[in-house]
C-alpha atoms as a PDB file:
ATOM      1  CA  MET A   1      17.210  28.070 229.520  1.00  0.00           C
ATOM      2  CA  ARG A   2      19.826  30.676 230.377  1.00  0.00           C
ATOM      3  CA  SER A   3      20.371  31.545 226.708  1.00  0.00           C
ATOM      4  CA  ASP A   4      16.603  31.639 226.072  1.00  0.00           C
ATOM      5  CA  THR A   5      16.057  34.188 228.824  1.00  0.00           C
ATOM      6  CA  ARG A   6      19.014  36.315 227.785  1.00  0.00           C
ATOM      7  CA  SER A   7      18.114  36.241 224.085  1.00  0.00           C
ATOM      8  CA  ALA A   8      14.530  37.214 224.840  1.00  0.00           C
ATOM      9  CA  LEU A   9      15.656  40.218 226.840  1.00  0.00           C
ATOM     10  CA  ASP A  10      18.277  41.096 224.245  1.00  0.00           C
ATOM     11  CA  GLY A  11      15.531  40.920 221.603  1.00  0.00           C
ATOM     12  CA  ALA A  12      14.312  44.380 222.525  1.00  0.00           C
ATOM     13  CA  GLY A  13      15.995  47.080 220.497  1.00  0.00           C
ATOM     14  CA  PRO A  14      18.327  49.550 222.204  1.00  0.00           C
ATOM     15  CA  GLY A  15      15.569  52.118 222.451  1.00  0.00           C
ATOM     16  CA  ASP A  16      13.142  49.587 223.901  1.00  0.00           C
ATOM     17  CA  ARG A  17      15.599  48.295 226.488  1.00  0.00           C
ATOM     18  CA  THR A  18      16.099  51.771 227.880  1.00  0.00           C
ATOM     19  CA  GLY A  19      12.569  51.692 229.269  1.00  0.00           C
ATOM     20  CA  LEU A  20      12.099  47.948 229.419  1.00  0.00           C
ATOM     21  CA  LEU A  21      15.076  46.701 231.434  1.00  0.00           C
ATOM     22  CA  PRO A  22      16.846  49.686 232.998  1.00  0.00           C
ATOM     23  CA  SER A  23      19.833  49.430 235.283  1.00  0.00           C
ATOM     24  CA  VAL A  24      18.457  49.413 238.812  1.00  0.00           C
ATOM     25  CA  ALA A  25      21.613  50.065 240.815  1.00  0.00           C
ATOM     26  CA  GLY A  26      20.708  52.451 243.618  1.00  0.00           C
ATOM     27  CA  ALA A  27      17.050  52.432 242.647  1.00  0.00           C
ATOM     28  CA  VAL A  28      14.557  54.166 244.920  1.00  0.00           C
ATOM     29  CA  PRO A  29      12.504  53.165 246.835  1.00  0.00           C
ATOM     30  CA  SER A  30      13.939  49.669 246.470  1.00  0.00           C
ATOM     31  CA  ARG A  31      15.639  47.499 243.917  1.00  0.00           C
ATOM     32  CA  THR A  32      12.921  44.884 244.225  1.00  0.00           C
ATOM     33  CA  VAL A  33      10.203  47.310 243.109  1.00  0.00           C
ATOM     34  CA  VAL A  34      12.162  48.404 240.040  1.00  0.00           C
ATOM     35  CA  VAL A  35      13.096  44.811 239.176  1.00  0.00           C
ATOM     36  CA  LEU A  36       9.424  43.891 239.557  1.00  0.00           C
ATOM     37  CA  ASP A  37       8.335  46.647 237.153  1.00  0.00           C
ATOM     38  CA  ALA A  38      11.032  45.756 234.617  1.00  0.00           C
ATOM     39  CA  ILE A  39      10.131  42.053 234.515  1.00  0.00           C
ATOM     40  CA  LYS A  40       6.400  42.834 234.401  1.00  0.00           C
ATOM     41  CA  HIS A  41       6.928  45.176 231.452  1.00  0.00           C
ATOM     42  CA  ALA A  42       8.999  42.545 229.641  1.00  0.00           C
ATOM     43  CA  ILE A  43       6.205  39.985 230.128  1.00  0.00           C
ATOM     44  CA  LEU A  44       3.432  42.299 228.937  1.00  0.00           C
ATOM     45  CA  ALA A  45       5.513  43.506 225.963  1.00  0.00           C
ATOM     46  CA  GLY A  46       6.047  39.901 224.853  1.00  0.00           C
ATOM     47  CA  HIS A  47       9.832  39.942 225.255  1.00  0.00           C
ATOM     48  CA  LEU A  48       9.431  37.269 227.934  1.00  0.00           C
ATOM     49  CA  ARG A  49       6.977  34.881 226.319  1.00  0.00           C
ATOM     50  CA  PRO A  50       4.257  32.682 227.886  1.00  0.00           C
ATOM     51  CA  GLY A  51       5.756  29.469 229.230  1.00  0.00           C
ATOM     52  CA  GLN A  52       9.324  30.801 229.088  1.00  0.00           C
ATOM     53  CA  GLY A  53      11.531  29.947 232.039  1.00  0.00           C
ATOM     54  CA  LEU A  54      12.724  32.843 234.190  1.00  0.00           C
ATOM     55  CA  VAL A  55      16.261  32.188 235.395  1.00  0.00           C
ATOM     56  CA  GLU A  56      17.211  34.276 238.406  1.00  0.00           C
ATOM     57  CA  THR A  57      20.889  34.429 237.451  1.00  0.00           C
ATOM     58  CA  ASP A  58      20.128  35.658 233.924  1.00  0.00           C
ATOM     59  CA  LEU A  59      17.629  38.273 235.065  1.00  0.00           C
ATOM     60  CA  ALA A  60      19.970  39.490 237.817  1.00  0.00           C
ATOM     61  CA  GLY A  61      22.808  39.865 235.318  1.00  0.00           C
ATOM     62  CA  MET A  62      20.676  41.767 232.817  1.00  0.00           C
ATOM     63  CA  LEU A  63      19.362  44.115 235.503  1.00  0.00           C
ATOM     64  CA  GLY A  64      22.644  44.606 237.335  1.00  0.00           C
ATOM     65  CA  VAL A  65      21.423  43.353 240.710  1.00  0.00           C
ATOM     66  CA  SER A  66      21.881  40.350 242.943  1.00  0.00           C
ATOM     67  CA  LYS A  67      19.509  37.389 242.756  1.00  0.00           C
ATOM     68  CA  THR A  68      17.692  38.421 245.949  1.00  0.00           C
ATOM     69  CA  PRO A  69      15.524  41.243 244.482  1.00  0.00           C
ATOM     70  CA  VAL A  70      14.865  39.101 241.415  1.00  0.00           C
ATOM     71  CA  ARG A  71      13.677  36.232 243.599  1.00  0.00           C
ATOM     72  CA  GLU A  72      11.388  38.539 245.585  1.00  0.00           C
ATOM     73  CA  ALA A  73      10.026  40.115 242.393  1.00  0.00           C
ATOM     74  CA  LEU A  74       9.215  36.710 240.920  1.00  0.00           C
ATOM     75  CA  LYS A  75       7.349  35.743 244.090  1.00  0.00           C
ATOM     76  CA  THR A  76       5.284  38.928 243.851  1.00  0.00           C
ATOM     77  CA  LEU A  77       4.566  38.337 240.156  1.00  0.00           C
ATOM     78  CA  ALA A  78       3.468  34.799 240.982  1.00  0.00           C
ATOM     79  CA  GLY A  79       1.027  36.214 243.527  1.00  0.00           C
ATOM     80  CA  ALA A  80      -0.286  38.592 240.857  1.00  0.00           C
ATOM     81  CA  GLY A  81      -0.844  35.716 238.431  1.00  0.00           C
ATOM     82  CA  LEU A  82       1.787  36.666 235.831  1.00  0.00           C
ATOM     83  CA  VAL A  83       4.328  33.998 236.781  1.00  0.00           C
ATOM     84  CA  THR A  84       4.052  30.357 237.812  1.00  0.00           C
ATOM     85  CA  MET A  85       6.414  28.759 240.333  1.00  0.00           C
ATOM     86  CA  SER A  86       7.343  25.087 240.385  1.00  0.00           C
ATOM     87  CA  PRO A  87       9.684  23.400 242.889  1.00  0.00           C
ATOM     88  CA  TYR A  88      11.089  21.324 240.019  1.00  0.00           C
ATOM     89  CA  LYS A  89      10.993  23.681 237.014  1.00  0.00           C
ATOM     90  CA  GLY A  90      11.408  27.018 238.743  1.00  0.00           C
ATOM     91  CA  ALA A  91       9.654  30.198 237.605  1.00  0.00           C
ATOM     92  CA  ALA A  92       8.045  30.705 234.194  1.00  0.00           C
ATOM     93  CA  VAL A  93       5.831  33.269 232.498  1.00  0.00           C
ATOM     94  CA  ARG A  94       2.218  32.216 232.886  1.00  0.00           C
ATOM     95  CA  ILE A  95       0.564  30.706 229.821  1.00  0.00           C
ATOM     96  CA  VAL A  96      -2.687  32.360 228.770  1.00  0.00           C
ATOM     97  CA  ASP A  97      -5.186  29.528 228.436  1.00  0.00           C
ATOM     98  CA  GLY A  98      -8.940  29.193 228.418  1.00  0.00           C
ATOM     99  CA  ASP A  99      -9.171  28.578 232.156  1.00  0.00           C
ATOM    100  CA  LEU A 100      -7.364  31.829 232.930  1.00  0.00           C
ATOM    101  CA  VAL A 101      -9.417  33.885 230.473  1.00  0.00           C
ATOM    102  CA  ARG A 102     -12.707  32.388 231.612  1.00  0.00           C
ATOM    103  CA  SER A 103     -12.084  32.855 235.332  1.00  0.00           C
ATOM    104  CA  VAL A 104     -10.757  36.427 235.069  1.00  0.00           C
ATOM    105  CA  TYR A 105     -13.412  37.708 232.691  1.00  0.00           C
ATOM    106  CA  ASP A 106     -16.282  35.906 234.375  1.00  0.00           C
ATOM    107  CA  LEU A 107     -15.427  37.668 237.624  1.00  0.00           C
ATOM    108  CA  ARG A 108     -14.999  41.009 235.875  1.00  0.00           C
ATOM    109  CA  LEU A 109     -18.412  40.675 234.230  1.00  0.00           C
ATOM    110  CA  LEU A 110     -20.001  39.950 237.586  1.00  0.00           C
ATOM    111  CA  LEU A 111     -18.390  42.814 239.502  1.00  0.00           C
ATOM    112  CA  GLU A 112     -16.982  45.593 237.346  1.00  0.00           C
ATOM    113  CA  PRO A 113     -20.172  46.924 235.687  1.00  0.00           C
ATOM    114  CA  GLU A 114     -21.841  47.262 239.101  1.00  0.00           C
ATOM    115  CA  ALA A 115     -18.755  48.936 240.559  1.00  0.00           C
ATOM    116  CA  VAL A 116     -18.780  51.485 237.738  1.00  0.00           C
ATOM    117  CA  ARG A 117     -22.518  52.104 238.145  1.00  0.00           C
ATOM    118  CA  ARG A 118     -21.932  52.874 241.831  1.00  0.00           C
ATOM    119  CA  ALA A 119     -18.919  55.058 241.065  1.00  0.00           C
ATOM    120  CA  VAL A 120     -20.990  57.152 238.673  1.00  0.00           C
ATOM    121  CA  ALA A 121     -23.681  57.516 241.337  1.00  0.00           C
ATOM    122  CA  CYS A 122     -20.952  58.906 243.618  1.00  0.00           C
ATOM    123  CA  GLY A 123     -19.756  61.291 240.914  1.00  0.00           C
ATOM    124  CA  GLY A 124     -16.597  59.280 240.350  1.00  0.00           C
ATOM    125  CA  HIS A 125     -15.133  60.334 243.669  1.00  0.00           C
ATOM    126  CA  GLY A 126     -16.527  57.888 246.222  1.00  0.00           C
ATOM    127  CA  GLU A 127     -14.174  56.310 248.730  1.00  0.00           C
ATOM    128  CA  GLY A 128     -12.984  52.958 247.470  1.00  0.00           C
ATOM    129  CA  ALA A 129      -9.232  52.433 247.547  1.00  0.00           C
ATOM    130  CA  PRO A 130      -8.313  49.796 250.142  1.00  0.00           C
ATOM    131  CA  PRO A 131      -6.324  51.079 253.157  1.00  0.00           C
ATOM    132  CA  GLY A 132      -2.591  50.689 252.629  1.00  0.00           C
ATOM    133  CA  HIS A 133      -3.018  49.998 248.922  1.00  0.00           C
ATOM    134  CA  ARG A 134       0.134  50.702 246.907  1.00  0.00           C
ATOM    135  CA  GLU A 135      -0.584  52.784 243.809  1.00  0.00           C
ATOM    136  CA  GLU A 136       1.476  51.992 240.715  1.00  0.00           C
ATOM    137  CA  ALA A 137       2.908  54.936 238.801  1.00  0.00           C
ATOM    138  CA  PRO A 138       2.319  54.953 235.045  1.00  0.00           C
ATOM    139  CA  PRO A 139       5.419  54.182 232.931  1.00  0.00           C
ATOM    140  CA  GLY A 140       7.466  57.330 232.424  1.00  0.00           C
ATOM    141  CA  ASN A 141       5.564  59.174 235.169  1.00  0.00           C
ATOM    142  CA  PRO A 142       6.925  57.755 238.451  1.00  0.00           C
ATOM    143  CA  GLY A 143       5.492  60.591 240.508  1.00  0.00           C
ATOM    144  CA  THR A 144       1.952  60.313 239.163  1.00  0.00           C
ATOM    145  CA  PRO A 145       0.151  57.182 240.363  1.00  0.00           C
ATOM    146  CA  PRO A 146      -3.162  56.334 238.728  1.00  0.00           C
ATOM    147  CA  GLY A 147      -6.217  57.379 240.673  1.00  0.00           C
ATOM    148  CA  GLY A 148      -9.958  57.464 240.243  1.00  0.00           C
ATOM    149  CA  GLY A 149     -12.285  59.914 238.595  1.00  0.00           C
ATOM    150  CA  TRP A 150     -13.080  60.966 235.078  1.00  0.00           C
ATOM    151  CA  GLU A 151      -9.972  63.095 234.508  1.00  0.00           C
ATOM    152  CA  ALA A 152      -7.759  60.159 235.537  1.00  0.00           C
ATOM    153  CA  ALA A 153      -9.708  58.016 233.073  1.00  0.00           C
ATOM    154  CA  ARG A 154      -9.155  60.567 230.301  1.00  0.00           C
ATOM    155  CA  GLU A 155      -5.433  60.679 231.028  1.00  0.00           C
ATOM    156  CA  ALA A 156      -5.271  56.869 230.858  1.00  0.00           C
ATOM    157  CA  LEU A 157      -6.917  57.006 227.423  1.00  0.00           C
ATOM    158  CA  ARG A 158      -4.363  59.577 226.276  1.00  0.00           C
ATOM    159  CA  ARG A 159      -1.522  57.352 227.494  1.00  0.00           C
ATOM    160  CA  ALA A 160      -3.039  54.381 225.666  1.00  0.00           C
ATOM    161  CA  GLU A 161      -3.147  56.382 222.445  1.00  0.00           C
ATOM    162  CA  ARG A 162       0.516  57.395 222.841  1.00  0.00           C
ATOM    163  CA  ALA A 163       1.645  53.871 223.804  1.00  0.00           C
ATOM    164  CA  THR A 164       4.478  52.407 221.743  1.00  0.00           C
ATOM    165  CA  ASP A 165       4.071  48.754 222.739  1.00  0.00           C
ATOM    166  CA  ARG A 166       1.541  46.291 224.133  1.00  0.00           C
ATOM    167  CA  ALA A 167       2.848  46.613 227.686  1.00  0.00           C
ATOM    168  CA  GLU A 168       2.277  50.359 227.866  1.00  0.00           C
ATOM    169  CA  ARG A 169      -1.114  49.998 226.214  1.00  0.00           C
ATOM    170  CA  SER A 170      -2.170  47.195 228.574  1.00  0.00           C
ATOM    171  CA  VAL A 171      -1.167  49.189 231.648  1.00  0.00           C
ATOM    172  CA  ALA A 172      -2.991  52.293 230.382  1.00  0.00           C
ATOM    173  CA  ASN A 173      -6.032  50.142 229.639  1.00  0.00           C
ATOM    174  CA  ARG A 174      -6.194  48.719 233.153  1.00  0.00           C
ATOM    175  CA  ASP A 175      -5.612  52.196 234.639  1.00  0.00           C
ATOM    176  CA  PHE A 176      -8.616  53.456 232.656  1.00  0.00           C
ATOM    177  CA  HIS A 177     -10.825  50.723 234.049  1.00  0.00           C
ATOM    178  CA  ARG A 178      -9.550  51.326 237.589  1.00  0.00           C
ATOM    179  CA  ALA A 179     -10.245  55.042 237.331  1.00  0.00           C
ATOM    180  CA  LEU A 180     -13.848  54.182 236.485  1.00  0.00           C
ATOM    181  CA  TYR A 181     -14.509  51.792 239.371  1.00  0.00           C
ATOM    182  CA  LEU A 182     -12.237  53.233 242.079  1.00  0.00           C
ATOM    183  CA  GLY A 183     -14.920  55.575 243.392  1.00  0.00           C
ATOM    184  CA  CYS A 184     -17.550  52.858 243.881  1.00  0.00           C
ATOM    185  CA  GLY A 185     -17.561  53.323 247.661  1.00  0.00           C
ATOM    186  CA  ASN A 186     -16.641  49.717 248.526  1.00  0.00           C
ATOM    187  CA  ALA A 187     -12.984  49.088 249.396  1.00  0.00           C
ATOM    188  CA  LEU A 188     -13.358  45.305 249.277  1.00  0.00           C
ATOM    189  CA  LEU A 189     -14.880  45.446 245.798  1.00  0.00           C
ATOM    190  CA  VAL A 190     -12.006  47.638 244.636  1.00  0.00           C
ATOM    191  CA  ARG A 191      -9.467  45.221 246.107  1.00  0.00           C
ATOM    192  CA  VAL A 192     -10.996  42.235 244.303  1.00  0.00           C
ATOM    193  CA  LEU A 193     -10.985  44.074 240.973  1.00  0.00           C
ATOM    194  CA  ASP A 194      -7.457  45.370 241.581  1.00  0.00           C
ATOM    195  CA  ASP A 195      -6.279  41.806 242.125  1.00  0.00           C
ATOM    196  CA  LEU A 196      -7.435  40.995 238.572  1.00  0.00           C
ATOM    197  CA  ARG A 197      -5.630  43.880 236.897  1.00  0.00           C
ATOM    198  CA  ASP A 198      -2.307  42.194 236.105  1.00  0.00           C
ATOM    199  CA  GLN A 199      -3.983  39.057 234.789  1.00  0.00           C
ATOM    200  CA  THR A 200      -6.326  41.187 232.675  1.00  0.00           C
ATOM    201  CA  ALA A 201      -3.290  42.994 231.245  1.00  0.00           C
ATOM    202  CA  LEU A 202      -1.615  39.653 230.493  1.00  0.00           C
ATOM    203  CA  VAL A 203      -4.684  38.374 228.628  1.00  0.00           C
ATOM    204  CA  SER A 204      -5.147  41.571 226.618  1.00  0.00           C
ATOM    205  CA  ALA A 205      -1.454  41.792 225.700  1.00  0.00           C
ATOM    206  CA  ALA A 206      -1.498  38.165 224.535  1.00  0.00           C
ATOM    207  CA  ALA A 207      -4.653  38.746 222.480  1.00  0.00           C
ATOM    208  CA  TRP A 208      -3.298  41.932 220.860  1.00  0.00           C
ATOM    209  CA  GLN A 209      -0.159  40.018 219.883  1.00  0.00           C
ATOM    210  CA  ARG A 210      -2.201  38.056 217.350  1.00  0.00           C
ATOM    211  CA  ALA A 211      -4.933  40.550 216.491  1.00  0.00           C
ATOM    212  CA  PRO A 212      -4.499  44.190 217.598  1.00  0.00           C
ATOM    213  CA  THR A 213      -8.158  44.974 218.342  1.00  0.00           C
ATOM    214  CA  TRP A 214      -7.289  47.784 220.732  1.00  0.00           C
ATOM    215  CA  ARG A 215      -8.625  50.530 218.434  1.00  0.00           C
ATOM    216  CA  ALA A 216     -12.129  49.073 218.617  1.00  0.00           C
ATOM    217  CA  GLU A 217     -11.777  48.821 222.383  1.00  0.00           C
ATOM    218  CA  ALA A 218     -10.544  52.426 222.567  1.00  0.00           C
ATOM    219  CA  ALA A 219     -13.715  53.620 220.828  1.00  0.00           C
ATOM    220  CA  GLU A 220     -15.772  51.697 223.379  1.00  0.00           C
ATOM    221  CA  HIS A 221     -13.772  53.303 226.186  1.00  0.00           C
ATOM    222  CA  ASP A 222     -14.672  56.729 224.841  1.00  0.00           C
ATOM    223  CA  ALA A 223     -18.381  55.869 224.860  1.00  0.00           C
ATOM    224  CA  ILE A 224     -18.250  54.490 228.422  1.00  0.00           C
ATOM    225  CA  LEU A 225     -16.436  57.555 229.732  1.00  0.00           C
ATOM    226  CA  ARG A 226     -18.858  59.886 227.942  1.00  0.00           C
ATOM    227  CA  GLU A 227     -21.826  58.303 229.746  1.00  0.00           C
ATOM    228  CA  ALA A 228     -19.999  58.233 233.075  1.00  0.00           C
ATOM    229  CA  THR A 229     -19.132  61.909 232.749  1.00  0.00           C
ATOM    230  CA  ALA A 230     -22.749  62.665 231.924  1.00  0.00           C
ATOM    231  CA  GLY A 231     -23.800  60.946 235.131  1.00  0.00           C
ATOM    232  CA  ASP A 232     -25.648  58.059 233.480  1.00  0.00           C
ATOM    233  CA  GLY A 233     -24.421  55.140 235.563  1.00  0.00           C
ATOM    234  CA  ASN A 234     -26.853  52.596 234.150  1.00  0.00           C
ATOM    235  CA  THR A 235     -25.808  53.238 230.551  1.00  0.00           C
ATOM    236  CA  ALA A 236     -22.119  53.368 231.464  1.00  0.00           C
ATOM    237  CA  SER A 237     -22.504  50.027 233.257  1.00  0.00           C
ATOM    238  CA  THR A 238     -24.331  48.487 230.294  1.00  0.00           C
ATOM    239  CA  LEU A 239     -21.694  49.735 227.844  1.00  0.00           C
ATOM    240  CA  LEU A 240     -18.899  48.407 230.060  1.00  0.00           C
ATOM    241  CA  LYS A 241     -20.484  44.963 230.218  1.00  0.00           C
ATOM    242  CA  ALA A 242     -20.841  44.956 226.417  1.00  0.00           C
ATOM    243  CA  HIS A 243     -17.222  46.145 226.115  1.00  0.00           C
ATOM    244  CA  ILE A 244     -15.898  43.216 228.160  1.00  0.00           C
ATOM    245  CA  GLU A 245     -18.083  40.767 226.244  1.00  0.00           C
ATOM    246  CA  ASN A 246     -16.981  42.264 222.915  1.00  0.00           C
ATOM    247  CA  PHE A 247     -13.323  41.770 223.814  1.00  0.00           C
ATOM    248  CA  LEU A 248     -14.012  38.110 224.507  1.00  0.00           C
ATOM    249  CA  SER A 249     -16.001  37.590 221.304  1.00  0.00           C
ATOM    250  CA  ARG A 250     -13.334  39.316 219.181  1.00  0.00           C
ATOM    251  CA  ASN A 251     -10.378  37.502 220.667  1.00  0.00           C
ATOM    252  CA  PHE A 252     -11.772  34.258 222.135  1.00  0.00           C
ATOM    253  CA  PRO A 253     -14.840  33.476 219.991  1.00  0.00           C
ATOM    254  CA  SER A 254     -14.953  29.812 220.957  1.00  0.00           C
ATOM    255  CA  LEU A 255     -14.316  30.317 224.664  1.00  0.00           C
ATOM    256  CA  THR A 256     -17.254  28.119 225.651  1.00  0.00           C
ATOM    257  CA  ASP A 257     -16.156  25.315 223.317  1.00  0.00           C
ATOM    258  CA  THR A 258     -13.686  22.570 224.075  1.00  0.00           C
ATOM    259  CA  ALA A 259     -11.173  24.186 221.741  1.00  0.00           C
ATOM    260  CA  ASP A 260     -10.901  27.370 223.780  1.00  0.00           C
ATOM    261  CA  THR A 261      -7.791  26.353 225.697  1.00  0.00           C
ATOM    262  CA  ALA A 262      -5.878  25.569 222.523  1.00  0.00           C
ATOM    263  CA  GLU A 263      -7.071  28.775 220.911  1.00  0.00           C
ATOM    264  CA  ALA A 264      -5.991  30.889 223.867  1.00  0.00           C
ATOM    265  CA  ALA A 265      -2.630  29.166 223.958  1.00  0.00           C
ATOM    266  CA  ASP A 266      -2.179  29.896 220.251  1.00  0.00           C
ATOM    267  CA  ILE A 267      -2.785  33.584 220.934  1.00  0.00           C
ATOM    268  CA  ALA A 268      -0.113  33.555 223.606  1.00  0.00           C
ATOM    269  CA  ASP A 269       2.437  31.594 221.575  1.00  0.00           C
ATOM    270  CA  THR A 270       2.184  33.107 218.080  1.00  0.00           C
ATOM    271  CA  GLY A 271       2.742  36.455 216.483  1.00  0.00           C
ATOM    272  CA  ASP A 272       5.477  39.058 216.413  1.00  0.00           C
ATOM    273  CA  PRO A 273       6.491  39.973 219.988  1.00  0.00           C
ATOM    274  CA  ASN A 274       7.282  43.506 218.813  1.00  0.00           C
ATOM    275  CA  ALA A 275       3.904  44.041 217.162  1.00  0.00           C
ATOM    276  CA  PRO A 276       1.652  46.758 218.639  1.00  0.00           C
END
């Protein structure tokens, strides 16, 4: 397991590793946060693959830290749904299966279109971020956390277009969606949707590994933002619902069949991990 973890991390080219697994000695504000971001990026980029064991000693050695921040980061990632923890097997990257896809996207379909409709009614600037919520800075822009509003959504789309791997594209994608619903005026609704963001990114990154459908989704993003900017919340909400459903139909066409779990697992376990 040690060699598997190390070889997966070593699989990124020298240029990739600069941004993927940086040295975190003396990191600010804390080593745990930087370790957390590095491991999350490796998972979403496919360098740490679904089901792969995460050995604290290996990760600590690669990142130049002790095992303590690695252990804390893995606990946080488990809470976010990207990692599973077992008292017998230890930590592992979560496998994308039908149950995960169904539960995450069912909840998104129920809540996100309505949140966006309300945000448009508030002009995209309604109060919604939960008190004490920690904003995540976009990769390469540590001083610029994602926020709400149409300009933040446009910037997320620009970052998605410039993305060089699935991890960057997945993060930009979720930041776009958050910018749309953040101003819905309901902090609890925002918190629930925020809690789905990492798992949504995991599902989309796994799906794009087999079939990079992100260009079709980018065109849909443009249409949603155009209606939101125009102040048409009902149309923006309808387009968003269709967008989420289209992603499922393109990538998980048999989700309601008994074969959906196997199909989702195939998406997570096949394909070139360095593909866009």
